[in-house]
């Protein structure tokens, strides 16, 4: 009987520092873990919802205004992105992701021919759209961030 009590006491003494440490950790924080009482905790960032079924018209491409070009985008509830790219219409899977990520699948384009400058711009726009990785709503504008810059859209009619 004494050996059982001795064994129980030995186990209790061996666990005592761990139990005491847990109790102290629950009751007190180390000075480096105490939040600064003078500053409020930052508010968690609110997740934005992508504006599905809204029509958008591009107004700026990599910092340059698009006054003379009509470029559009609409992402529907089926996550299908469609629009006009300057000469042709296009369609692609478009996925708004968590934390304002954005992914665009392979792009299908009609085969209308336009002058070289329009076709070159269209190719640049579609490559940028395909490479879009982030989206944001800034002052009512949709902004798609790409590896080479960004595309800004105003709400269309």
Protein backbone atom coordinates (compact mmCIF):
# COMPACT_ATOMS: atom_id res chain seq x y z
CA UNK A 1 0.00 0.00 0.00
CA UNK A 2 2.86 2.34 0.86
CA UNK A 3 4.48 1.72 -2.54
CA UNK A 4 1.25 2.78 -4.26
CA UNK A 5 1.10 5.98 -2.20
CA UNK A 6 4.76 6.62 -2.91
CA UNK A 7 4.21 6.14 -6.62
CA UNK A 8 1.17 8.46 -6.59
CA UNK A 9 3.15 11.10 -4.69
CA UNK A 10 6.06 10.83 -7.13
CA UNK A 11 3.69 11.28 -10.10
CA UNK A 12 1.98 14.25 -8.42
CA UNK A 13 5.31 15.95 -7.68
CA UNK A 14 6.53 15.37 -11.22
CA UNK A 15 3.35 16.94 -12.65
CA UNK A 16 3.30 19.84 -10.19
CA UNK A 17 5.54 22.21 -12.20
CA UNK A 18 3.50 21.63 -15.36
CA UNK A 19 0.19 22.11 -13.56
CA UNK A 20 1.46 25.20 -11.76
CA UNK A 21 2.81 26.61 -15.02
CA UNK A 22 -0.59 26.14 -16.72
CA UNK A 23 -2.39 27.80 -13.83
CA UNK A 24 0.03 30.72 -13.89
CA UNK A 25 -0.25 31.02 -17.66
CA UNK A 26 -4.03 31.16 -17.43
CA UNK A 27 -4.00 33.75 -14.67
CA UNK A 28 -1.13 35.94 -15.84
CA UNK A 29 0.54 36.87 -19.08
CA UNK A 30 4.16 37.59 -19.54
CA UNK A 31 4.92 41.31 -19.84
CA UNK A 32 5.68 40.92 -23.58
CA UNK A 33 2.22 39.35 -24.12
CA UNK A 34 0.20 42.03 -22.30
CA UNK A 35 -1.62 44.18 -24.84
CA UNK A 36 -0.80 47.88 -24.79
CA UNK A 37 -3.68 49.57 -23.00
CA UNK A 38 -3.06 52.88 -24.79
CA UNK A 39 -3.73 51.59 -28.31
CA UNK A 40 -6.94 49.91 -29.47
CA UNK A 41 -6.62 46.52 -31.07
CA UNK A 42 -6.78 46.71 -34.90
CA UNK A 43 -10.19 45.85 -36.29
CA UNK A 44 -10.29 42.66 -38.35
CA UNK A 45 -10.37 43.35 -42.08
CA UNK A 46 -13.87 42.88 -43.49
CA UNK A 47 -14.01 40.45 -46.41
CA UNK A 48 -15.47 42.12 -49.51
CA UNK A 49 -17.91 40.41 -51.86
CA UNK A 50 -17.16 40.45 -55.56
CA UNK A 51 -19.91 42.29 -57.49
CA UNK A 52 -21.33 39.44 -59.59
CA UNK A 53 -23.68 40.27 -62.49
CA UNK A 54 -22.44 43.87 -62.64
CA UNK A 55 -21.29 45.35 -65.94
CA UNK A 56 -17.97 47.21 -65.94
CA UNK A 57 -16.23 49.46 -68.48
CA UNK A 58 -12.43 49.80 -68.37
CA UNK A 59 -11.29 53.39 -67.80
CA UNK A 60 -7.59 52.86 -67.06
CA UNK A 61 -5.04 50.24 -68.09
CA UNK A 62 -1.64 50.21 -66.36
CA UNK A 63 -2.02 53.86 -65.37
CA UNK A 64 -3.09 55.09 -68.82
CA UNK A 65 -6.64 56.35 -69.48
CA UNK A 66 -8.73 54.47 -72.04
CA UNK A 67 -10.67 57.36 -73.52
CA UNK A 68 -10.67 56.02 -77.09
CA UNK A 69 -11.29 52.33 -76.35
CA UNK A 70 -14.40 50.48 -75.19
CA UNK A 71 -13.40 47.51 -73.01
CA UNK A 72 -16.00 45.73 -70.87
CA UNK A 73 -16.23 42.97 -68.28
CA UNK A 74 -19.06 41.15 -66.58
CA UNK A 75 -18.73 38.17 -64.24
CA UNK A 76 -22.05 36.37 -63.84
CA UNK A 77 -23.33 34.16 -61.04
CA UNK A 78 -22.02 31.09 -62.94
CA UNK A 79 -18.49 32.57 -62.66
CA UNK A 80 -18.30 33.23 -66.38
CA UNK A 81 -16.47 36.39 -67.37
CA UNK A 82 -17.56 37.97 -70.65
CA UNK A 83 -17.00 41.25 -72.41
CA UNK A 84 -15.73 43.25 -75.34
CA UNK A 85 -11.96 43.62 -75.68
CA UNK A 86 -11.69 46.37 -78.27
CA UNK A 87 -12.26 44.35 -81.43
CA UNK A 88 -13.67 41.00 -80.35
CA UNK A 89 -15.88 39.61 -77.65
CA UNK A 90 -14.35 37.22 -75.13
CA UNK A 91 -15.39 34.66 -72.56
CA UNK A 92 -13.52 32.90 -69.76
CA UNK A 93 -14.04 31.30 -66.37
CA UNK A 94 -13.49 34.03 -63.77
CA UNK A 95 -13.16 33.08 -60.11
CA UNK A 96 -13.28 35.65 -57.32
CA UNK A 97 -11.37 33.96 -54.49
CA UNK A 98 -10.96 34.49 -50.74
CA UNK A 99 -8.97 37.47 -49.54
CA UNK A 100 -9.84 39.25 -52.78
CA UNK A 101 -7.92 36.87 -54.99
CA UNK A 102 -8.94 36.49 -58.61
CA UNK A 103 -8.27 33.76 -61.18
CA UNK A 104 -9.15 33.71 -64.87
CA UNK A 105 -9.15 30.55 -66.95
CA UNK A 106 -8.30 30.24 -70.63
CA UNK A 107 -9.90 32.97 -72.72
CA UNK A 108 -12.05 32.27 -75.80
CA UNK A 109 -12.15 35.13 -78.33
CA UNK A 110 -14.14 35.70 -81.51
CA UNK A 111 -12.08 35.99 -84.70
CA UNK A 112 -12.92 39.43 -85.99
CA UNK A 113 -9.95 41.29 -87.53
CA UNK A 114 -9.24 44.95 -86.77
CA UNK A 115 -6.31 47.24 -87.47
CA UNK A 116 -2.95 46.31 -85.96
CA UNK A 117 -2.99 48.89 -83.12
CA UNK A 118 -6.40 47.71 -81.91
CA UNK A 119 -5.38 44.05 -82.13
CA UNK A 120 -2.13 44.73 -80.23
CA UNK A 121 -4.02 46.53 -77.48
CA UNK A 122 -6.62 43.76 -77.32
CA UNK A 123 -3.89 41.14 -76.94
CA UNK A 124 -2.26 43.17 -74.12
CA UNK A 125 -5.59 43.57 -72.33
CA UNK A 126 -6.50 39.88 -72.59
CA UNK A 127 -3.05 38.81 -71.37
CA UNK A 128 -3.37 41.16 -68.40
CA UNK A 129 -6.89 39.91 -67.66
CA UNK A 130 -5.69 36.30 -67.83
CA UNK A 131 -2.89 37.19 -65.39
CA UNK A 132 -5.11 39.05 -62.90
CA UNK A 133 -4.44 37.82 -59.36
CA UNK A 134 -6.24 40.28 -57.05
CA UNK A 135 -9.35 42.45 -57.17
CA UNK A 136 -10.59 45.35 -55.08
CA UNK A 137 -13.38 47.92 -55.00
CA UNK A 138 -11.89 51.40 -54.65
CA UNK A 139 -14.22 54.41 -54.62
CA UNK A 140 -16.87 52.46 -56.52
CA UNK A 141 -14.40 51.21 -59.15
CA UNK A 142 -13.40 47.62 -59.75
CA UNK A 143 -9.61 47.25 -59.78
CA UNK A 144 -7.98 44.09 -61.14
CA UNK A 145 -4.33 43.82 -60.12
CA UNK A 146 -2.07 42.03 -62.57
CA UNK A 147 1.63 41.18 -62.66
CA UNK A 148 2.29 44.16 -64.94
CA UNK A 149 -0.04 46.75 -63.33
CA UNK A 150 -3.76 47.11 -62.94
CA UNK A 151 -6.99 47.56 -64.84
CA UNK A 152 -9.58 49.98 -63.43
CA UNK A 153 -13.24 49.69 -64.36
CA UNK A 154 -16.21 52.01 -63.81
CA UNK A 155 -19.66 50.57 -63.42
CA UNK A 156 -21.31 50.20 -66.82
CA UNK A 157 -24.93 50.64 -67.72
